[in-house]
Amino acid sequence: MFLIDDILLAPLKGVVWLGEKLNEVVDKELNDTGRIKEELMQLQLQFELDEITEHEYNEKEKELLDRLDAITNAEEKEM
């Protein structure tokens, strides 16, 4: 009976495993301070080259700085 259960649930377990791995990658990417700093530099370059407006720059900069602050605060709480 357990062998049949394992065989029937194998595809589901594979999908769950894949979802967990994708979640890990997304969390790592979203919480990578180096990546956020690169995005800030790229944003500033776009603004200096007049590819985006000052309003767009300010909105995106605030979003990125808020993410950076949240990561820093979370790291401090873990210590």
PDB file of N, CA and C in Angstrom:
ATOM      1  N   MET A   1       0.815  -1.192   0.000  1.00  0.00           N
ATOM      2  CA  MET A   1       0.000   0.000   0.000  1.00  0.00           C
ATOM      3  C   MET A   1       0.866   1.267   0.000  1.00  0.00           C
ATOM      4  N   PHE A   2       1.943   1.265   0.794  1.00  0.00           N
ATOM      5  CA  PHE A   2       2.799   2.446   0.853  1.00  0.00           C
ATOM      6  C   PHE A   2       3.545   2.663  -0.454  1.00  0.00           C
ATOM      7  N   LEU A   3       3.894   1.610  -1.135  1.00  0.00           N
ATOM      8  CA  LEU A   3       4.573   1.719  -2.424  1.00  0.00           C
ATOM      9  C   LEU A   3       3.665   2.375  -3.449  1.00  0.00           C
ATOM     10  N   ILE A   4       2.395   1.991  -3.446  1.00  0.00           N
ATOM     11  CA  ILE A   4       1.424   2.590  -4.378  1.00  0.00           C
ATOM     12  C   ILE A   4       1.244   4.066  -4.052  1.00  0.00           C
ATOM     13  N   ASP A   5       1.167   4.390  -2.771  1.00  0.00           N
ATOM     14  CA  ASP A   5       1.048   5.798  -2.370  1.00  0.00           C
ATOM     15  C   ASP A   5       2.257   6.601  -2.848  1.00  0.00           C
ATOM     16  N   ASP A   6       3.438   6.052  -2.665  1.00  0.00           N
ATOM     17  CA  ASP A   6       4.660   6.739  -3.105  1.00  0.00           C
ATOM     18  C   ASP A   6       4.656   6.957  -4.610  1.00  0.00           C
ATOM     19  N   ILE A   7       4.230   5.963  -5.345  1.00  0.00           N
ATOM     20  CA  ILE A   7       4.196   6.076  -6.810  1.00  0.00           C
ATOM     21  C   ILE A   7       3.176   7.121  -7.239  1.00  0.00           C
ATOM     22  N   LEU A   8       2.025   7.123  -6.628  1.00  0.00           N
ATOM     23  CA  LEU A   8       0.970   8.073  -7.003  1.00  0.00           C
ATOM     24  C   LEU A   8       1.298   9.503  -6.583  1.00  0.00           C
ATOM     25  N   LEU A   9       1.989   9.653  -5.475  1.00  0.00           N
ATOM     26  CA  LEU A   9       2.298  10.999  -4.970  1.00  0.00           C
ATOM     27  C   LEU A   9       3.625  11.546  -5.468  1.00  0.00           C
ATOM     28  N   ALA A  10       4.398  10.767  -6.190  1.00  0.00           N
ATOM     29  CA  ALA A  10       5.707  11.217  -6.674  1.00  0.00           C
ATOM     30  C   ALA A  10       5.616  12.493  -7.509  1.00  0.00           C
ATOM     31  N   PRO A  11       4.677  12.579  -8.483  1.00  0.00           N
ATOM     32  CA  PRO A  11       4.604  13.836  -9.255  1.00  0.00           C
ATOM     33  C   PRO A  11       4.282  15.040  -8.383  1.00  0.00           C
ATOM     34  N   LEU A  12       3.407  14.854  -7.419  1.00  0.00           N
ATOM     35  CA  LEU A  12       3.051  15.957  -6.520  1.00  0.00           C
ATOM     36  C   LEU A  12       4.240  16.370  -5.671  1.00  0.00           C
ATOM     37  N   LYS A  13       4.974  15.406  -5.166  1.00  0.00           N
ATOM     38  CA  LYS A  13       6.161  15.709  -4.365  1.00  0.00           C
ATOM     39  C   LYS A  13       7.205  16.454  -5.197  1.00  0.00           C
ATOM     40  N   GLY A  14       7.309  16.092  -6.475  1.00  0.00           N
ATOM     41  CA  GLY A  14       8.245  16.785  -7.365  1.00  0.00           C
ATOM     42  C   GLY A  14       7.855  18.233  -7.574  1.00  0.00           C
ATOM     43  N   VAL A  15       6.571  18.481  -7.731  1.00  0.00           N
ATOM     44  CA  VAL A  15       6.084  19.850  -7.916  1.00  0.00           C
ATOM     45  C   VAL A  15       6.308  20.667  -6.639  1.00  0.00           C
ATOM     46  N   VAL A  16       6.053  20.061  -5.492  1.00  0.00           N
ATOM     47  CA  VAL A  16       6.266  20.751  -4.217  1.00  0.00           C
ATOM     48  C   VAL A  16       7.747  21.078  -4.047  1.00  0.00           C
ATOM     49  N   TRP A  17       8.613  20.132  -4.351  1.00  0.00           N
ATOM     50  CA  TRP A  17      10.055  20.354  -4.238  1.00  0.00           C
ATOM     51  C   TRP A  17      10.493  21.497  -5.151  1.00  0.00           C
ATOM     52  N   LEU A  18       9.988  21.497  -6.390  1.00  0.00           N
ATOM     53  CA  LEU A  18      10.327  22.550  -7.344  1.00  0.00           C
ATOM     54  C   LEU A  18       9.857  23.908  -6.832  1.00  0.00           C
ATOM     55  N   GLY A  19       8.654  23.958  -6.272  1.00  0.00           N
ATOM     56  CA  GLY A  19       8.133  25.204  -5.712  1.00  0.00           C
ATOM     57  C   GLY A  19       8.992  25.721  -4.572  1.00  0.00           C
ATOM     58  N   GLU A  20       9.459  24.812  -3.718  1.00  0.00           N
ATOM     59  CA  GLU A  20      10.322  25.220  -2.613  1.00  0.00           C
ATOM     60  C   GLU A  20      11.644  25.783  -3.120  1.00  0.00           C
ATOM     61  N   LYS A  21      12.215  25.143  -4.138  1.00  0.00           N
ATOM     62  CA  LYS A  21      13.482  25.625  -4.706  1.00  0.00           C
ATOM     63  C   LYS A  21      13.299  26.993  -5.349  1.00  0.00           C
ATOM     64  N   LEU A  22      12.196  27.179  -6.077  1.00  0.00           N
ATOM     65  CA  LEU A  22      11.929  28.480  -6.688  1.00  0.00           C
ATOM     66  C   LEU A  22      11.765  29.552  -5.621  1.00  0.00           C
ATOM     67  N   ASN A  23      11.088  29.217  -4.540  1.00  0.00           N
ATOM     68  CA  ASN A  23      10.904  30.159  -3.442  1.00  0.00           C
ATOM     69  C   ASN A  23      12.240  30.557  -2.829  1.00  0.00           C
ATOM     70  N   GLU A  24      13.147  29.594  -2.665  1.00  0.00           N
ATOM     71  CA  GLU A  24      14.477  29.889  -2.125  1.00  0.00           C
ATOM     72  C   GLU A  24      15.237  30.852  -3.032  1.00  0.00           C
ATOM     73  N   VAL A  25      15.172  30.611  -4.341  1.00  0.00           N
ATOM     74  CA  VAL A  25      15.879  31.466  -5.293  1.00  0.00           C
ATOM     75  C   VAL A  25      15.302  32.876  -5.270  1.00  0.00           C
ATOM     76  N   VAL A  26      13.994  32.992  -5.242  1.00  0.00           N
ATOM     77  CA  VAL A  26      13.348  34.308  -5.217  1.00  0.00           C
ATOM     78  C   VAL A  26      13.697  35.048  -3.934  1.00  0.00           C
ATOM     79  N   ASP A  27      13.642  34.366  -2.796  1.00  0.00           N
ATOM     80  CA  ASP A  27      14.007  35.001  -1.522  1.00  0.00           C
ATOM     81  C   ASP A  27      15.450  35.486  -1.546  1.00  0.00           C
ATOM     82  N   LYS A  28      16.340  34.651  -2.061  1.00  0.00           N
ATOM     83  CA  LYS A  28      17.747  35.030  -2.125  1.00  0.00           C
ATOM     84  C   LYS A  28      17.934  36.254  -3.013  1.00  0.00           C
ATOM     85  N   GLU A  29      17.232  36.277  -4.144  1.00  0.00           N
ATOM     86  CA  GLU A  29      17.376  37.389  -5.078  1.00  0.00           C
ATOM     87  C   GLU A  29      16.779  38.675  -4.508  1.00  0.00           C
ATOM     88  N   LEU A  30      15.649  38.575  -3.859  1.00  0.00           N
ATOM     89  CA  LEU A  30      15.001  39.757  -3.294  1.00  0.00           C
ATOM     90  C   LEU A  30      15.748  40.306  -2.091  1.00  0.00           C
ATOM     91  N   ASN A  31      16.446  39.448  -1.374  1.00  0.00           N
ATOM     92  CA  ASN A  31      17.124  39.867  -0.149  1.00  0.00           C
ATOM     93  C   ASN A  31      18.631  40.026  -0.321  1.00  0.00           C
ATOM     94  N   ASP A  32      19.089  40.161  -1.524  1.00  0.00           N
ATOM     95  CA  ASP A  32      20.513  40.324  -1.812  1.00  0.00           C
ATOM     96  C   ASP A  32      20.840  41.820  -1.843  1.00  0.00           C
ATOM     97  N   THR A  33      21.581  42.288  -0.816  1.00  0.00           N
ATOM     98  CA  THR A  33      21.885  43.719  -0.732  1.00  0.00           C
ATOM     99  C   THR A  33      22.755  44.174  -1.902  1.00  0.00           C
ATOM    100  N   GLY A  34      23.653  43.320  -2.359  1.00  0.00           N
ATOM    101  CA  GLY A  34      24.496  43.683  -3.496  1.00  0.00           C
ATOM    102  C   GLY A  34      23.681  43.935  -4.742  1.00  0.00           C
ATOM    103  N   ARG A  35      22.678  43.115  -4.964  1.00  0.00           N
ATOM    104  CA  ARG A  35      21.808  43.275  -6.133  1.00  0.00           C
ATOM    105  C   ARG A  35      21.011  44.581  -6.033  1.00  0.00           C
ATOM    106  N   ILE A  36      20.526  44.891  -4.847  1.00  0.00           N
ATOM    107  CA  ILE A  36      19.757  46.127  -4.668  1.00  0.00           C
ATOM    108  C   ILE A  36      20.648  47.340  -4.905  1.00  0.00           C
ATOM    109  N   LYS A  37      21.884  47.287  -4.424  1.00  0.00           N
ATOM    110  CA  LYS A  37      22.807  48.398  -4.656  1.00  0.00           C
ATOM    111  C   LYS A  37      23.116  48.556  -6.135  1.00  0.00           C
ATOM    112  N   GLU A  38      23.235  47.446  -6.856  1.00  0.00           N
ATOM    113  CA  GLU A  38      23.442  47.512  -8.307  1.00  0.00           C
ATOM    114  C   GLU A  38      22.243  48.159  -8.989  1.00  0.00           C
ATOM    115  N   GLU A  39      21.044  47.807  -8.540  1.00  0.00           N
ATOM    116  CA  GLU A  39      19.834  48.402  -9.105  1.00  0.00           C
ATOM    117  C   GLU A  39      19.793  49.904  -8.836  1.00  0.00           C
ATOM    118  N   LEU A  40      20.256  50.319  -7.650  1.00  0.00           N
ATOM    119  CA  LEU A  40      20.303  51.751  -7.340  1.00  0.00           C
ATOM    120  C   LEU A  40      21.273  52.486  -8.268  1.00  0.00           C
ATOM    121  N   MET A  41      22.432  51.879  -8.522  1.00  0.00           N
ATOM    122  CA  MET A  41      23.405  52.507  -9.429  1.00  0.00           C
ATOM    123  C   MET A  41      22.844  52.571 -10.850  1.00  0.00           C
ATOM    124  N   GLN A  42      22.194  51.497 -11.278  1.00  0.00           N
ATOM    125  CA  GLN A  42      21.606  51.477 -12.621  1.00  0.00           C
ATOM    126  C   GLN A  42      20.497  52.529 -12.731  1.00  0.00           C
ATOM    127  N   LEU A  43      19.721  52.669 -11.675  1.00  0.00           N
ATOM    128  CA  LEU A  43      18.656  53.661 -11.655  1.00  0.00           C
ATOM    129  C   LEU A  43      19.220  55.071 -11.774  1.00  0.00           C
ATOM    130  N   GLN A  44      20.298  55.334 -11.051  1.00  0.00           N
ATOM    131  CA  GLN A  44      20.908  56.660 -11.114  1.00  0.00           C
ATOM    132  C   GLN A  44      21.461  56.930 -12.506  1.00  0.00           C
ATOM    133  N   LEU A  45      22.039  55.930 -13.117  1.00  0.00           N
ATOM    134  CA  LEU A  45      22.561  56.084 -14.476  1.00  0.00           C
ATOM    135  C   LEU A  45      21.429  56.387 -15.456  1.00  0.00           C
ATOM    136  N   GLN A  46      20.320  55.684 -15.313  1.00  0.00           N
ATOM    137  CA  GLN A  46      19.168  55.937 -16.184  1.00  0.00           C
ATOM    138  C   GLN A  46      18.668  57.366 -16.014  1.00  0.00           C
ATOM    139  N   PHE A  47      18.660  57.851 -14.782  1.00  0.00           N
ATOM    140  CA  PHE A  47      18.209  59.216 -14.524  1.00  0.00           C
ATOM    141  C   PHE A  47      19.171  60.231 -15.138  1.00  0.00           C
ATOM    142  N   GLU A  48      20.461  59.992 -14.966  1.00  0.00           N
ATOM    143  CA  GLU A  48      21.457  60.914 -15.508  1.00  0.00           C
ATOM    144  C   GLU A  48      21.440  60.945 -17.032  1.00  0.00           C
ATOM    145  N   LEU A  49      21.069  59.838 -17.651  1.00  0.00           N
ATOM    146  CA  LEU A  49      20.993  59.777 -19.112  1.00  0.00           C
ATOM    147  C   LEU A  49      19.620  60.191 -19.626  1.00  0.00           C
ATOM    148  N   ASP A  50      18.769  60.707 -18.736  1.00  0.00           N
ATOM    149  CA  ASP A  50      17.409  61.164 -19.074  1.00  0.00           C
ATOM    150  C   ASP A  50      16.542  60.058 -19.669  1.00  0.00           C
ATOM    151  N   GLU A  51      16.764  58.829 -19.230  1.00  0.00           N
ATOM    152  CA  GLU A  51      15.927  57.722 -19.683  1.00  0.00           C
ATOM    153  C   GLU A  51      14.657  57.614 -18.843  1.00  0.00           C
ATOM    154  N   ILE A  52      14.694  58.172 -17.619  1.00  0.00           N
ATOM    155  CA  ILE A  52      13.530  58.183 -16.749  1.00  0.00           C
ATOM    156  C   ILE A  52      13.372  59.583 -16.168  1.00  0.00           C
ATOM    157  N   THR A  53      12.153  59.887 -15.732  1.00  0.00           N
ATOM    158  CA  THR A  53      11.897  61.209 -15.149  1.00  0.00           C
ATOM    159  C   THR A  53      12.328  61.235 -13.688  1.00  0.00           C
ATOM    160  N   GLU A  54      12.384  62.430 -13.136  1.00  0.00           N
ATOM    161  CA  GLU A  54      12.769  62.575 -11.733  1.00  0.00           C
ATOM    162  C   GLU A  54      11.742  61.901 -10.820  1.00  0.00           C
ATOM    163  N   HIS A  55      10.477  62.003 -11.197  1.00  0.00           N
ATOM    164  CA  HIS A  55       9.413  61.373 -10.413  1.00  0.00           C
ATOM    165  C   HIS A  55       9.586  59.852 -10.397  1.00  0.00           C
ATOM    166  N   GLU A  56       9.846  59.256 -11.549  1.00  0.00           N
ATOM    167  CA  GLU A  56      10.077  57.809 -11.633  1.00  0.00           C
ATOM    168  C   GLU A  56      11.308  57.415 -10.813  1.00  0.00           C
ATOM    169  N   TYR A  57      12.341  58.239 -10.927  1.00  0.00           N
ATOM    170  CA  TYR A  57      13.576  57.985 -10.176  1.00  0.00           C
ATOM    171  C   TYR A  57      13.307  57.971  -8.677  1.00  0.00           C
ATOM    172  N   ASN A  58      12.605  58.999  -8.196  1.00  0.00           N
ATOM    173  CA  ASN A  58      12.334  59.105  -6.763  1.00  0.00           C
ATOM    174  C   ASN A  58      11.492  57.937  -6.249  1.00  0.00           C
ATOM    175  N   GLU A  59      10.487  57.529  -7.026  1.00  0.00           N
ATOM    176  CA  GLU A  59       9.635  56.413  -6.611  1.00  0.00           C
ATOM    177  C   GLU A  59      10.431  55.112  -6.513  1.00  0.00           C
ATOM    178  N   LYS A  60      11.196  54.813  -7.550  1.00  0.00           N
ATOM    179  CA  LYS A  60      11.960  53.570  -7.585  1.00  0.00           C
ATOM    180  C   LYS A  60      13.066  53.584  -6.523  1.00  0.00           C
ATOM    181  N   GLU A  61      13.706  54.742  -6.344  1.00  0.00           N
ATOM    182  CA  GLU A  61      14.757  54.855  -5.337  1.00  0.00           C
ATOM    183  C   GLU A  61      14.199  54.603  -3.942  1.00  0.00           C
ATOM    184  N   LYS A  62      13.040  55.177  -3.653  1.00  0.00           N
ATOM    185  CA  LYS A  62      12.411  54.972  -2.349  1.00  0.00           C
ATOM    186  C   LYS A  62      12.095  53.494  -2.144  1.00  0.00           C
ATOM    187  N   GLU A  63      11.569  52.839  -3.159  1.00  0.00           N
ATOM    188  CA  GLU A  63      11.249  51.415  -3.066  1.00  0.00           C
ATOM    189  C   GLU A  63      12.496  50.578  -2.781  1.00  0.00           C
ATOM    190  N   LEU A  64      13.575  50.861  -3.507  1.00  0.00           N
ATOM    191  CA  LEU A  64      14.810  50.106  -3.318  1.00  0.00           C
ATOM    192  C   LEU A  64      15.430  50.367  -1.952  1.00  0.00           C
ATOM    193  N   LEU A  65      15.421  51.616  -1.508  1.00  0.00           N
ATOM    194  CA  LEU A  65      15.977  51.940  -0.191  1.00  0.00           C
ATOM    195  C   LEU A  65      15.146  51.325   0.932  1.00  0.00           C
ATOM    196  N   ASP A  66      13.824  51.271   0.750  1.00  0.00           N
ATOM    197  CA  ASP A  66      12.975  50.618   1.742  1.00  0.00           C
ATOM    198  C   ASP A  66      13.295  49.123   1.832  1.00  0.00           C
ATOM    199  N   ARG A  67      13.502  48.483   0.683  1.00  0.00           N
ATOM    200  CA  ARG A  67      13.873  47.062   0.672  1.00  0.00           C
ATOM    201  C   ARG A  67      15.210  46.856   1.368  1.00  0.00           C
ATOM    202  N   LEU A  68      16.159  47.743   1.096  1.00  0.00           N
ATOM    203  CA  LEU A  68      17.480  47.642   1.709  1.00  0.00           C
ATOM    204  C   LEU A  68      17.386  47.817   3.226  1.00  0.00           C
ATOM    205  N   ASP A  69      16.584  48.782   3.668  1.00  0.00           N
ATOM    206  CA  ASP A  69      16.387  48.989   5.112  1.00  0.00           C
ATOM    207  C   ASP A  69      15.730  47.775   5.761  1.00  0.00           C
ATOM    208  N   ALA A  70      14.751  47.191   5.093  1.00  0.00           N
ATOM    209  CA  ALA A  70      14.055  46.025   5.635  1.00  0.00           C
ATOM    210  C   ALA A  70      15.016  44.850   5.794  1.00  0.00           C
ATOM    211  N   ILE A  71      15.873  44.650   4.818  1.00  0.00           N
ATOM    212  CA  ILE A  71      16.860  43.563   4.890  1.00  0.00           C
ATOM    213  C   ILE A  71      17.823  43.808   6.027  1.00  0.00           C
ATOM    214  N   THR A  72      18.316  45.038   6.145  1.00  0.00           N
ATOM    215  CA  THR A  72      19.257  45.391   7.207  1.00  0.00           C
ATOM    216  C   THR A  72      18.616  45.198   8.580  1.00  0.00           C
ATOM    217  N   ASN A  73      17.380  45.632   8.728  1.00  0.00           N
ATOM    218  CA  ASN A  73      16.694  45.466  10.010  1.00  0.00           C
ATOM    219  C   ASN A  73      16.467  44.000  10.339  1.00  0.00           C
ATOM    220  N   ALA A  74      16.120  43.206   9.349  1.00  0.00           N
ATOM    221  CA  ALA A  74      15.907  41.769   9.571  1.00  0.00           C
ATOM    222  C   ALA A  74      17.210  41.086   9.978  1.00  0.00           C
ATOM    223  N   GLU A  75      18.323  41.486   9.357  1.00  0.00           N
ATOM    224  CA  GLU A  75      19.613  40.905   9.703  1.00  0.00           C
ATOM    225  C   GLU A  75      20.021  41.280  11.120  1.00  0.00           C
ATOM    226  N   GLU A  76      19.728  42.512  11.523  1.00  0.00           N
ATOM    227  CA  GLU A  76      20.055  42.960  12.875  1.00  0.00           C
ATOM    228  C   GLU A  76      19.240  42.201  13.921  1.00  0.00           C
ATOM    229  N   LYS A  77      17.976  41.906  13.615  1.00  0.00           N
ATOM    230  CA  LYS A  77      17.124  41.187  14.550  1.00  0.00           C
ATOM    231  C   LYS A  77      17.590  39.749  14.722  1.00  0.00           C
ATOM    232  N   GLU A  78      18.158  39.160  13.671  1.00  0.00           N
ATOM    233  CA  GLU A  78      18.634  37.788  13.746  1.00  0.00           C
ATOM    234  C   GLU A  78      19.851  37.673  14.646  1.00  0.00           C
ATOM    235  N   MET A  79      20.617  38.720  14.763  1.00  0.00           N
ATOM    236  CA  MET A  79      21.835  38.693  15.574  1.00  0.00           C
ATOM    237  C   MET A  79      21.457  38.932  16.979  1.00  0.00           C
TER     238      MET A  79
END
